[in-house]
Amino acid sequence: MADDPYSLLGVPRTASQDDITRAFRKLAKELHPDVNPNNKAATERFKKVSAANELLSDADKRRRFDRGEIDAGGEPRRAYQPQGAPFGAGARRPAGAGGPDIGDHGFGDIFDSVFGSRSGMRGQTTFRGQDLRYTLDIDLLEAVTGAKKRVTLPDGGTLDLTVPEGVDDGQMLRLKGKGQAGMRGGEPGDALVEIKVRPDPVFKRLGDDLMTEIAIAIDEAVLGAKVEVPTATGRVQLSIPKGTSSGRVFRLKGKGVVNRGTGTTGDLLVTIAIVLPETIDDGLAYFLSEWRAKNAYDPRKKG
């Protein structure tokens, strides 16, 4: 059984949507695989809190979970009973019988409550189809911007689906009615597709933010410059002010990942790296030696 989503996020059942979002963001920054490389426990917990946030951020799913109609994994509960009510509440025991109380309709009603609903004059029991699980590998940018993908099934068939923007590694997409067919007229099960996000050579994801690094030349760092920066949706111009040092981080608002729960968008964090030419020519060496002789600047000294 899946863990309770409220407990996973550390919020009470009366928590507002803002409380849930804040709790998830805090945990996502602590547990994200990019922050905890090779930490399987953190990665597994990150997947669980992501799934918990996805369920509780959906108002309809949250109501259904709170009523006990679905479990923490979003699966329908086959034999839902109101909290506190005994199994088969309302059935009557035949006079003088010592066996279990089965009510007016016999054992058929008990099977109906467990396996499905009856239909027809003869009380035929229907069975919901089984849910089927698949895995889909996608690129990071596909996870950020969304994509149309096709899953190849074990029997050689295919399943087309839309990957929504902002989906994260380990999250589950549910395709209603795309699982196994039901029996005796029962509804089909669902297809559950787990998303696996491949590492990207340019970007890393941290919660709703993206991170990247940009190399600049020494003259651009000293004199300032305008440089092109890649984003998930194309390249933009970034102004580098005079005297920019390596390690400085620039924040590009709204160039990150859409949060599916709140509709807000994270930022792109651009880290600067000053890169020197492979060969230092005589002119540059002479200029810097003259500059050093006239200036006592030492970056390792504080104050």
Protein backbone atom coordinates (compact mmCIF):
# COMPACT_ATOMS: atom_id res chain seq x y z
CA MET A 1 0.00 0.00 0.00
CA ALA A 2 1.29 3.44 -0.87
CA ASP A 3 2.33 5.80 1.92
CA ASP A 4 -0.13 8.43 3.13
CA PRO A 5 0.48 11.56 1.00
CA TYR A 6 -0.16 13.96 3.88
CA SER A 7 2.43 12.20 6.02
CA LEU A 8 4.94 12.14 3.16
CA LEU A 9 4.66 15.92 2.74
CA GLY A 10 4.47 16.56 6.49
CA VAL A 11 1.19 18.49 6.34
CA PRO A 12 -2.16 17.98 8.13
CA ARG A 13 -5.27 16.90 6.25
CA THR A 14 -6.63 20.43 6.67
CA ALA A 15 -3.63 21.93 4.82
CA SER A 16 -4.35 24.51 2.12
CA GLN A 17 -3.06 24.12 -1.42
CA ASP A 18 -0.41 26.77 -0.71
CA ASP A 19 0.74 24.80 2.36
CA ILE A 20 1.03 21.64 0.25
CA THR A 21 2.97 23.43 -2.49
CA ARG A 22 5.40 25.02 -0.01
CA ALA A 23 5.99 21.68 1.71
CA PHE A 24 6.64 19.92 -1.60
CA ARG A 25 9.05 22.58 -2.84
CA LYS A 26 11.05 22.40 0.37
CA LEU A 27 11.30 18.61 0.20
CA ALA A 28 12.04 18.63 -3.54
CA LYS A 29 15.06 20.88 -3.03
CA GLU A 30 16.35 18.62 -0.26
CA LEU A 31 15.74 15.29 -2.01
CA HIS A 32 16.24 16.00 -5.72
CA PRO A 33 18.59 13.47 -7.40
CA ASP A 34 20.84 16.30 -8.64
CA VAL A 35 21.45 17.32 -5.03
CA ASN A 36 21.85 13.73 -3.82
CA PRO A 37 23.78 11.84 -6.52
CA ASN A 38 24.02 8.08 -5.93
CA ASN A 39 21.68 8.34 -2.92
CA LYS A 40 19.01 5.74 -3.68
CA ALA A 41 17.07 6.42 -0.49
CA ALA A 42 16.77 10.14 -1.28
CA THR A 43 15.79 9.39 -4.88
CA GLU A 44 13.10 6.94 -3.79
CA ARG A 45 11.70 9.41 -1.25
CA PHE A 46 11.77 12.17 -3.90
CA LYS A 47 9.58 9.97 -6.14
CA LYS A 48 7.15 9.37 -3.30
CA VAL A 49 6.77 13.05 -2.33
CA SER A 50 6.35 13.93 -6.04
CA ALA A 51 3.53 11.40 -6.35
CA ALA A 52 1.98 12.68 -3.11
CA ASN A 53 2.10 16.27 -4.37
CA GLU A 54 0.57 15.24 -7.70
CA LEU A 55 -2.37 13.58 -5.94
CA LEU A 56 -3.03 16.35 -3.40
CA SER A 57 -2.61 19.12 -6.00
CA ASP A 58 -5.52 17.66 -7.97
CA ALA A 59 -8.65 18.89 -6.16
CA ASP A 60 -10.84 16.04 -7.43
CA LYS A 61 -8.31 13.31 -6.56
CA ARG A 62 -7.75 14.85 -3.13
CA ARG A 63 -11.50 14.80 -2.38
CA ARG A 64 -11.78 11.20 -3.56
CA PHE A 65 -8.78 10.17 -1.44
CA ASP A 66 -10.16 11.93 1.64
CA ARG A 67 -13.47 10.09 1.14
CA GLY A 68 -11.63 6.79 0.86
CA GLU A 69 -12.67 6.16 -2.76
CA ILE A 70 -9.07 5.89 -4.02
CA ASP A 71 -5.82 4.95 -2.32
CA ALA A 72 -2.62 7.01 -2.11
CA GLY A 73 -1.52 5.68 -5.50
CA GLY A 74 -4.74 6.89 -7.13
CA GLU A 75 -6.08 3.34 -7.44
CA PRO A 76 -9.83 2.80 -6.87
CA ARG A 77 -10.61 0.97 -3.66
CA ARG A 78 -12.47 -2.16 -4.71
CA ALA A 79 -14.48 -2.59 -1.54
CA TYR A 80 -14.91 0.96 -0.20
CA GLN A 81 -16.81 1.18 3.09
CA PRO A 82 -17.55 4.42 4.99
CA GLN A 83 -15.08 4.89 7.82
CA GLY A 84 -16.31 3.11 10.96
CA ALA A 85 -18.91 0.97 9.16
CA PRO A 86 -18.50 -2.83 9.46
CA PHE A 87 -18.16 -4.92 6.31
CA GLY A 88 -21.65 -5.77 5.03
CA ALA A 89 -23.35 -3.25 7.33
CA GLY A 90 -27.14 -3.43 7.06
CA ALA A 91 -27.37 -7.17 6.29
CA ARG A 92 -29.68 -9.29 8.38
CA ARG A 93 -29.09 -12.68 9.97
CA PRO A 94 -31.79 -15.31 9.28
CA ALA A 95 -33.70 -16.31 12.42
CA GLY A 96 -32.04 -19.15 14.25
CA ALA A 97 -29.00 -19.22 11.97
CA GLY A 98 -25.60 -19.34 13.51
CA GLY A 99 -23.65 -18.51 10.36
CA PRO A 100 -22.66 -15.13 8.92
CA ASP A 101 -25.35 -12.61 8.09
CA ILE A 102 -25.78 -12.47 4.28
CA GLY A 103 -28.96 -10.43 3.96
CA ASP A 104 -31.81 -10.88 1.49
CA HIS A 105 -29.73 -11.49 -1.64
CA GLY A 106 -27.32 -14.15 -0.47
CA PHE A 107 -23.62 -14.44 -1.22
CA GLY A 108 -23.93 -12.52 -4.50
CA ASP A 109 -24.13 -9.21 -2.63
CA ILE A 110 -20.93 -9.95 -0.74
CA PHE A 111 -19.08 -10.75 -3.96
CA ASP A 112 -20.50 -7.59 -5.55
CA SER A 113 -19.12 -5.43 -2.75
CA VAL A 114 -15.65 -6.89 -3.27
CA PHE A 115 -15.34 -7.43 -7.01
CA GLY A 116 -17.79 -5.16 -8.77
CA SER A 117 -21.42 -4.44 -9.52
CA ARG A 118 -24.06 -6.89 -10.71
CA SER A 119 -26.05 -6.49 -13.89
CA GLY A 120 -28.97 -8.37 -15.44
CA MET A 121 -31.79 -10.37 -13.97
CA ARG A 122 -29.53 -13.27 -13.03
CA GLY A 123 -27.16 -11.12 -10.94
CA GLN A 124 -24.13 -11.39 -13.23
CA THR A 125 -21.00 -9.94 -11.56
CA THR A 126 -18.85 -7.48 -13.57
CA PHE A 127 -15.11 -7.13 -13.08
CA ARG A 128 -13.01 -4.03 -13.69
CA GLY A 129 -9.96 -4.64 -15.88
CA GLN A 130 -6.49 -4.72 -14.39
CA ASP A 131 -4.28 -1.61 -14.50
CA LEU A 132 -1.14 -2.01 -16.63
CA ARG A 133 2.19 -0.35 -15.80
CA TYR A 134 4.79 0.94 -18.26
CA THR A 135 7.98 3.02 -18.19
CA LEU A 136 8.75 5.89 -20.58
CA ASP A 137 12.21 7.45 -20.99
CA ILE A 138 12.18 11.11 -22.04
CA ASP A 139 14.70 13.95 -22.32
CA LEU A 140 14.82 16.69 -19.69
CA LEU A 141 13.64 19.34 -22.16
CA GLU A 142 10.67 17.13 -23.10
CA ALA A 143 9.79 16.98 -19.40
CA VAL A 144 10.05 20.76 -19.15
CA THR A 145 8.12 21.75 -22.29
CA GLY A 146 5.88 18.69 -22.76
CA ALA A 147 5.87 16.25 -25.67
CA LYS A 148 3.86 13.76 -27.69
CA LYS A 149 5.25 10.26 -27.14
CA ARG A 150 4.48 6.67 -28.10
CA VAL A 151 4.91 3.70 -25.76
CA THR A 152 5.55 0.30 -27.34
CA LEU A 153 3.59 -2.41 -25.52
CA PRO A 154 4.85 -5.94 -24.78
CA ASP A 155 2.50 -7.39 -27.40
CA GLY A 156 3.90 -5.09 -30.08
CA GLY A 157 1.05 -2.61 -29.95
CA THR A 158 1.51 1.10 -29.26
CA LEU A 159 0.07 3.63 -26.88
CA ASP A 160 0.12 7.34 -27.75
CA LEU A 161 0.18 9.84 -24.89
CA THR A 162 0.79 13.49 -24.15
CA VAL A 163 3.54 14.24 -21.64
CA PRO A 164 2.42 17.45 -19.87
CA GLU A 165 4.90 20.26 -19.33
CA GLY A 166 6.54 20.22 -15.93
CA VAL A 167 6.42 16.45 -15.36
CA ASP A 168 9.27 15.19 -13.17
CA ASP A 169 11.35 12.03 -12.94
CA GLY A 170 9.43 9.24 -11.23
CA GLN A 171 6.00 10.76 -11.69
CA MET A 172 3.16 8.54 -12.93
CA LEU A 173 0.80 9.40 -15.79
CA ARG A 174 -2.60 7.69 -15.70
CA LEU A 175 -4.40 6.97 -18.98
CA LYS A 176 -8.02 6.15 -18.17
CA GLY A 177 -9.40 3.04 -19.84
CA LYS A 178 -6.12 2.05 -21.52
CA GLY A 179 -5.46 -0.99 -19.33
CA GLN A 180 -6.82 -4.53 -19.58
CA ALA A 181 -10.41 -4.99 -20.72
CA GLY A 182 -13.00 -5.66 -18.05
CA MET A 183 -14.85 -8.94 -17.70
CA ARG A 184 -18.60 -9.43 -18.16
CA GLY A 185 -19.10 -5.83 -19.22
CA GLY A 186 -16.89 -4.30 -16.52
CA GLU A 187 -14.99 -1.10 -17.20
CA PRO A 188 -11.40 -1.37 -18.49
CA GLY A 189 -8.43 -0.69 -16.25
CA ASP A 190 -6.00 2.19 -16.67
CA ALA A 191 -2.49 2.43 -18.09
CA LEU A 192 0.03 3.79 -15.57
CA VAL A 193 3.14 5.22 -17.22
CA GLU A 194 6.13 6.03 -15.00
CA ILE A 195 8.31 8.83 -16.35
CA LYS A 196 12.09 8.40 -16.40
CA VAL A 197 13.96 11.63 -17.25
CA ARG A 198 17.38 11.27 -18.91
CA PRO A 199 20.22 13.58 -17.77
CA ASP A 200 20.78 16.65 -19.97
CA PRO A 201 24.23 17.90 -21.03
CA VAL A 202 23.24 21.58 -20.65
CA PHE A 203 20.63 21.83 -17.91
CA LYS A 204 19.99 20.41 -14.46
CA ARG A 205 16.68 20.62 -12.65
CA LEU A 206 16.20 21.63 -9.02
CA GLY A 207 12.52 21.70 -8.10
CA ASP A 208 10.89 24.20 -10.45
CA ASP A 209 14.22 25.84 -11.36
CA LEU A 210 16.66 24.95 -14.13
CA MET A 211 20.42 25.46 -13.80
CA THR A 212 23.10 25.92 -16.43
CA GLU A 213 26.67 27.27 -16.73
CA ILE A 214 27.97 29.81 -19.24
CA ALA A 215 31.63 30.36 -20.12
CA ILE A 216 32.87 33.93 -20.74
CA ALA A 217 36.27 35.30 -21.74
CA ILE A 218 38.46 37.40 -19.45
CA ASP A 219 37.78 40.58 -21.42
CA GLU A 220 34.01 40.00 -21.17
CA ALA A 221 34.36 39.57 -17.41
CA VAL A 222 36.43 42.77 -17.05
CA LEU A 223 34.69 45.04 -19.56
CA GLY A 224 31.18 43.57 -19.54
CA ALA A 225 29.37 42.03 -22.51
CA LYS A 226 26.14 40.65 -23.91
CA VAL A 227 26.19 36.87 -24.33
CA GLU A 228 23.70 34.30 -25.57
CA VAL A 229 22.26 31.92 -22.99
CA PRO A 230 20.32 28.72 -23.81
CA THR A 231 16.90 28.25 -22.22
CA ALA A 232 14.40 25.40 -22.50
CA THR A 233 12.53 27.31 -25.22
CA GLY A 234 15.39 29.01 -27.12
CA ARG A 235 18.37 31.33 -26.69
CA VAL A 236 18.18 34.75 -25.00
CA GLN A 237 20.61 37.64 -24.42
CA LEU A 238 22.17 38.09 -20.98
CA SER A 239 23.97 41.29 -20.00
CA ILE A 240 27.23 40.63 -18.15
CA PRO A 241 28.20 43.70 -16.08
CA LYS A 242 31.79 44.90 -15.72
CA GLY A 243 33.85 43.05 -13.14
CA THR A 244 31.86 39.82 -13.15
CA SER A 245 33.63 36.98 -11.33
CA SER A 246 33.43 33.23 -11.88
CA GLY A 247 30.69 31.62 -9.82
CA ARG A 248 28.32 34.57 -9.99
CA VAL A 249 24.74 33.42 -10.57
CA PHE A 250 22.19 35.30 -12.67
CA ARG A 251 18.49 34.51 -12.33
CA LEU A 252 16.29 34.62 -15.42
CA LYS A 253 12.72 34.88 -14.16
CA GLY A 254 10.11 32.52 -15.62
CA LYS A 255 12.60 30.51 -17.68
CA GLY A 256 12.33 27.39 -15.52
CA VAL A 257 9.72 24.65 -15.12
CA VAL A 258 5.95 25.00 -14.89
CA ASN A 259 4.56 23.72 -11.58
CA ARG A 260 1.54 21.60 -12.54
CA GLY A 261 -0.09 22.12 -9.16
CA THR A 262 0.10 25.92 -8.89
CA GLY A 263 0.56 26.98 -12.52
CA THR A 264 3.60 29.09 -11.56
CA THR A 265 6.93 28.84 -13.41
CA GLY A 266 10.39 28.55 -11.91
CA ASP A 267 13.55 30.39 -12.99
CA LEU A 268 16.73 29.64 -14.90
CA LEU A 269 19.89 30.02 -12.78
CA VAL A 270 22.94 30.86 -14.91
CA THR A 271 26.36 30.38 -13.30
CA ILE A 272 29.31 32.26 -14.81
CA ALA A 273 32.65 30.55 -15.51
CA ILE A 274 35.59 32.68 -16.73
CA VAL A 275 37.61 30.62 -19.19
CA LEU A 276 41.11 31.67 -20.32
CA PRO A 277 42.47 30.91 -23.78
CA GLU A 278 44.56 27.75 -24.09
CA THR A 279 47.57 29.84 -25.17
CA ILE A 280 48.39 33.11 -23.39
CA ASP A 281 49.99 35.46 -25.95
CA ASP A 282 52.84 37.85 -25.10
CA GLY A 283 50.62 40.93 -25.26
CA LEU A 284 48.19 39.66 -22.64
CA ALA A 285 50.99 38.39 -20.41
CA TYR A 286 52.85 41.74 -20.60
CA PHE A 287 49.69 43.76 -19.90
CA LEU A 288 48.79 41.67 -16.82
CA SER A 289 52.33 41.72 -15.46
CA GLU A 290 52.37 45.55 -15.73
CA TRP A 291 48.93 45.72 -14.12
CA ARG A 292 49.99 43.45 -11.26
CA ALA A 293 53.11 45.55 -10.59
CA LYS A 294 50.95 48.63 -10.08
CA ASN A 295 48.07 47.02 -8.15
CA ALA A 296 48.13 45.13 -4.88
CA TYR A 297 44.79 43.32 -5.43
CA ASP A 298 44.65 39.91 -3.74
CA PRO A 299 41.25 38.09 -4.01
CA ARG A 300 42.25 35.65 -1.25
CA LYS A 301 42.42 38.41 1.35
CA LYS A 302 39.20 39.47 3.02
CA GLY A 303 38.43 43.06 3.93
